[in-house]
């Protein structure tokens, strides 16, 4: 599913083109991946999502006075087995790894996800831009994962780390993801030309083809479920479907 997100922009003569960024959001089921994504893009919080479909969001986001053409791949898969597809590694320029402070198991999945991403990126990106986001900070009374464990994981792999609440901490969510996008911009000049020149449409088609072939095989690892390609438009404050 592809959603194009449009925002009111400043006048063209005051805007600077800030390039593009491609962000993959991964983590266990029900940790708030989609809630955080929608919170960042629309400033809205929707508490309940029932999505078993991978989503591509496209938006132009203002960061430091520049416009960044942003694509976010929200992976709905329940990562019981953390296998990062080669096509996703090549496509993504940054990673948002989400877990819930209320779920020890989701933290274990996050650990494996960070390990998988850093291993898969290998020599192309020895230190890929990764933000570990511990969600549901508003549920402190049922916390299972201490904050220092998340920080230690981030330090071990050279990642960013933040604890947030998609429900209550919109500015922290925005600032943290903006910081990740700044890191992408800073690394653009150091990135392999092969990765910089990747065709987004070609890579997206490869992702979809992998999804189809995976669903038809006997290997049912929850990596890339089938995606329904229907264009929709989401505007700030509401969603309009056609």
Protein backbone atom coordinates (compact mmCIF):
# COMPACT_ATOMS: atom_id res chain seq x y z
CA UNK A 1 0.00 0.00 0.00
CA UNK A 2 1.32 3.42 -0.94
CA UNK A 3 0.19 6.58 0.82
CA UNK A 4 1.20 10.03 -0.43
CA UNK A 5 1.25 12.54 2.38
CA UNK A 6 0.99 16.22 1.49
CA UNK A 7 1.71 19.11 3.81
CA UNK A 8 1.30 22.85 3.48
CA UNK A 9 4.73 24.17 2.55
CA UNK A 10 6.32 27.61 2.80
CA UNK A 11 6.62 29.70 -0.32
CA UNK A 12 9.11 28.29 -2.88
CA UNK A 13 11.47 31.26 -2.67
CA UNK A 14 12.03 30.61 1.04
CA UNK A 15 12.42 26.84 0.81
CA UNK A 16 15.65 24.99 0.12
CA UNK A 17 15.69 21.55 -1.40
CA UNK A 18 17.10 19.19 1.23
CA UNK A 19 17.37 16.03 -0.86
CA UNK A 20 15.70 12.75 -0.04
CA UNK A 21 15.75 10.05 2.61
CA UNK A 22 14.41 6.51 2.82
CA UNK A 23 13.56 5.17 6.26
CA UNK A 24 12.64 1.60 7.23
CA UNK A 25 10.65 1.10 10.44
CA UNK A 26 11.03 -2.34 12.01
CA UNK A 27 10.17 -4.05 15.27
CA UNK A 28 7.88 -6.52 16.94
CA UNK A 29 4.11 -6.52 16.58
CA UNK A 30 2.02 -4.02 18.58
CA UNK A 31 4.91 -1.82 19.71
CA UNK A 32 3.57 1.30 17.98
CA UNK A 33 5.50 1.39 14.69
CA UNK A 34 2.57 2.75 12.70
CA UNK A 35 1.43 5.05 15.51
CA UNK A 36 4.90 6.63 15.64
CA UNK A 37 5.07 6.94 11.86
CA UNK A 38 1.67 8.61 11.63
CA UNK A 39 2.47 10.80 14.64
CA UNK A 40 5.59 12.08 12.90
CA UNK A 41 3.93 12.65 9.53
CA UNK A 42 0.61 14.13 10.65
CA UNK A 43 1.10 15.11 14.32
CA UNK A 44 -1.98 13.00 15.07
CA UNK A 45 -2.21 10.03 17.40
CA UNK A 46 -4.44 7.08 16.58
CA UNK A 47 -4.35 4.53 19.35
CA UNK A 48 -5.55 1.42 17.57
CA UNK A 49 -4.13 -0.05 14.37
CA UNK A 50 -4.94 -3.43 12.92
CA UNK A 51 -2.64 -3.65 9.93
CA UNK A 52 -1.00 -6.74 8.52
CA UNK A 53 0.11 -4.88 5.41
CA UNK A 54 3.46 -3.22 4.79
CA UNK A 55 3.03 0.49 4.10
CA UNK A 56 5.04 2.97 2.06
CA UNK A 57 4.50 6.58 3.12
CA UNK A 58 5.73 9.44 0.94
CA UNK A 59 5.93 13.00 2.26
CA UNK A 60 7.89 16.22 1.93
CA UNK A 61 9.05 17.15 5.41
CA UNK A 62 10.63 20.44 6.56
CA UNK A 63 13.89 19.87 8.46
CA UNK A 64 16.14 22.80 9.40
CA UNK A 65 14.54 25.05 6.81
CA UNK A 66 14.97 22.56 3.98
CA UNK A 67 12.52 20.18 2.38
CA UNK A 68 13.32 16.48 2.48
CA UNK A 69 11.52 14.09 0.16
CA UNK A 70 10.91 11.29 2.65
CA UNK A 71 9.81 7.72 2.06
CA UNK A 72 9.01 5.52 5.04
CA UNK A 73 8.64 1.75 4.75
CA UNK A 74 6.55 0.60 7.73
CA UNK A 75 7.09 -3.15 8.03
CA UNK A 76 4.07 -4.75 9.65
CA UNK A 77 5.74 -8.14 9.99
CA UNK A 78 5.94 -9.80 13.36
CA UNK A 79 9.69 -10.26 13.51
CA UNK A 80 9.84 -13.54 15.39
CA UNK A 81 12.69 -14.30 13.02
CA UNK A 82 14.72 -11.20 12.25
CA UNK A 83 15.86 -11.55 8.67
CA UNK A 84 16.53 -8.32 6.82
CA UNK A 85 15.88 -8.76 3.08
CA UNK A 86 18.74 -7.70 0.83
CA UNK A 87 16.39 -5.44 -1.13
CA UNK A 88 15.36 -3.60 2.03
CA UNK A 89 18.99 -3.12 3.07
CA UNK A 90 19.78 -1.62 -0.34
CA UNK A 91 16.65 0.55 -0.30
CA UNK A 92 16.82 1.99 3.21
CA UNK A 93 19.14 4.85 4.10
CA UNK A 94 18.16 4.84 7.77
CA UNK A 95 16.45 2.54 10.25
CA UNK A 96 13.97 3.13 13.04
CA UNK A 97 13.95 0.13 15.39
CA UNK A 98 10.97 0.24 17.76
CA UNK A 99 10.22 -1.68 20.94
CA UNK A 100 7.82 -1.18 23.84
CA UNK A 101 9.08 -0.55 27.35
CA UNK A 102 6.16 -2.72 28.50
CA UNK A 103 7.36 -5.81 26.61
CA UNK A 104 10.57 -7.65 27.35
CA UNK A 105 10.06 -9.81 24.26
CA UNK A 106 9.80 -6.76 22.00
CA UNK A 107 13.16 -5.60 23.34
CA UNK A 108 14.69 -8.98 22.51
CA UNK A 109 13.36 -8.58 18.98
CA UNK A 110 14.84 -5.07 18.83
CA UNK A 111 18.25 -6.41 19.85
CA UNK A 112 18.13 -8.99 17.07
CA UNK A 113 16.91 -6.35 14.62
CA UNK A 114 19.81 -4.01 15.38
CA UNK A 115 22.24 -6.91 15.06
CA UNK A 116 20.69 -7.94 11.74
CA UNK A 117 20.73 -4.42 10.28
CA UNK A 118 24.34 -3.69 11.21
CA UNK A 119 25.46 -7.09 9.95
CA UNK A 120 23.51 -6.81 6.70
CA UNK A 121 24.77 -3.30 5.92
CA UNK A 122 28.33 -4.53 6.30
CA UNK A 123 31.02 -2.65 4.44
CA UNK A 124 28.63 -0.40 2.53
CA UNK A 125 27.56 1.33 5.75
CA UNK A 126 29.78 0.29 8.67
CA UNK A 127 27.72 2.55 10.95
CA UNK A 128 24.28 2.80 9.35
CA UNK A 129 21.98 5.51 10.72
CA UNK A 130 19.87 3.64 13.27
CA UNK A 131 17.53 5.12 15.86
CA UNK A 132 16.32 2.81 18.62
CA UNK A 133 13.00 4.18 19.82
CA UNK A 134 11.53 2.80 23.05
CA UNK A 135 7.81 3.52 22.89
CA UNK A 136 4.98 3.67 25.45
CA UNK A 137 6.85 5.71 28.03
CA UNK A 138 3.45 6.84 29.30
CA UNK A 139 2.93 3.29 30.63
CA UNK A 140 5.72 3.55 33.19
CA UNK A 141 3.70 1.64 35.78
CA UNK A 142 3.94 -1.57 33.72
CA UNK A 143 7.50 -1.09 32.47
CA UNK A 144 9.46 -4.30 31.82
CA UNK A 145 12.57 -2.87 30.10
CA UNK A 146 14.77 -0.44 32.08
CA UNK A 147 15.94 2.62 30.17
CA UNK A 148 19.60 1.80 30.72
CA UNK A 149 19.24 -1.45 28.75
CA UNK A 150 18.12 0.46 25.69
CA UNK A 151 20.96 2.94 26.09
CA UNK A 152 23.53 0.16 26.44
CA UNK A 153 22.24 -1.46 23.25
CA UNK A 154 22.56 1.85 21.40
CA UNK A 155 26.07 2.43 22.72
CA UNK A 156 27.14 -1.07 21.74
CA UNK A 157 26.17 -0.56 18.10
CA UNK A 158 26.74 3.18 17.77
CA UNK A 159 23.03 3.97 17.41
CA UNK A 160 20.84 6.80 18.60
CA UNK A 161 18.40 6.07 21.42
CA UNK A 162 15.32 7.75 22.84
CA UNK A 163 12.35 6.82 25.01
CA UNK A 164 9.07 8.32 23.85
CA UNK A 165 5.32 8.02 24.01
CA UNK A 166 3.52 8.14 20.68
CA UNK A 167 0.43 9.11 22.66
CA UNK A 168 1.88 12.04 24.61
CA UNK A 169 5.33 13.12 23.37
CA UNK A 170 4.92 14.46 19.85
CA UNK A 171 7.83 16.92 20.05
CA UNK A 172 10.26 14.22 21.20
CA UNK A 173 9.12 11.90 18.41
CA UNK A 174 9.55 14.65 15.82
CA UNK A 175 12.92 15.86 17.11
CA UNK A 176 14.34 12.34 17.25
CA UNK A 177 13.34 11.39 13.71
CA UNK A 178 14.47 14.80 12.43
CA UNK A 179 17.86 14.06 13.99
CA UNK A 180 18.00 10.74 12.16
CA UNK A 181 17.24 12.51 8.86
CA UNK A 182 20.02 15.01 9.57
CA UNK A 183 22.40 12.09 10.01
CA UNK A 184 21.33 10.72 6.63
CA UNK A 185 22.03 14.09 5.01
CA UNK A 186 25.45 14.28 6.63
CA UNK A 187 26.37 10.81 5.39
CA UNK A 188 25.21 11.38 1.80
CA UNK A 189 28.66 12.38 0.63
CA UNK A 190 30.20 9.25 2.17
CA UNK A 191 27.66 6.77 0.80
CA UNK A 192 28.62 4.35 -1.95
CA UNK A 193 27.65 5.76 -5.39
CA UNK A 194 26.02 2.40 -6.15
CA UNK A 195 23.57 2.91 -3.30
CA UNK A 196 22.98 6.59 -4.06
CA UNK A 197 21.98 5.83 -7.63
CA UNK A 198 19.47 3.11 -6.81
CA UNK A 199 16.13 3.53 -8.57
CA UNK A 200 13.44 3.75 -5.92
CA UNK A 201 10.78 2.41 -8.26
CA UNK A 202 12.98 -0.51 -9.30
CA UNK A 203 13.84 -1.34 -5.70
CA UNK A 204 10.18 -1.08 -4.67
CA UNK A 205 9.25 -3.53 -7.43
CA UNK A 206 11.94 -5.93 -6.21
CA UNK A 207 10.52 -5.70 -2.70
CA UNK A 208 7.05 -6.50 -3.98
CA UNK A 209 8.29 -9.38 -6.14
CA UNK A 210 10.08 -10.88 -3.16
CA UNK A 211 6.87 -10.57 -1.16
CA UNK A 212 4.86 -12.44 -3.78
CA UNK A 213 7.39 -15.24 -4.17
CA UNK A 214 7.76 -15.61 -0.40
CA UNK A 215 4.02 -16.02 0.03
CA UNK A 216 3.89 -18.75 -2.61
CA UNK A 217 6.79 -20.76 -1.19
CA UNK A 218 6.88 -23.11 1.77
CA UNK A 219 9.21 -20.77 3.66
CA UNK A 220 6.74 -18.65 5.61
CA UNK A 221 9.18 -16.45 7.49
CA UNK A 222 7.40 -13.19 8.32
CA UNK A 223 9.56 -10.86 6.26
CA UNK A 224 7.64 -9.05 3.53
CA UNK A 225 3.91 -9.87 3.29
CA UNK A 226 2.00 -9.18 0.09
CA UNK A 227 1.34 -5.48 -0.36
CA UNK A 228 -1.81 -4.08 -1.97
CA UNK A 229 -0.79 -1.22 -4.27
CA UNK A 230 -3.53 1.39 -4.14
CA UNK A 231 -2.74 5.08 -4.13
CA UNK A 232 -4.26 7.04 -1.31
CA UNK A 233 -3.82 10.58 -0.15
CA UNK A 234 -3.44 11.56 3.46
CA UNK A 235 -3.59 15.23 4.41
CA UNK A 236 -2.80 16.81 7.74
CA UNK A 237 -5.70 16.25 10.12
CA UNK A 238 -7.57 13.62 8.15
CA UNK A 239 -7.23 10.77 5.69
CA UNK A 240 -8.95 10.84 2.36
CA UNK A 241 -9.31 7.55 0.51
CA UNK A 242 -10.17 7.26 -3.15
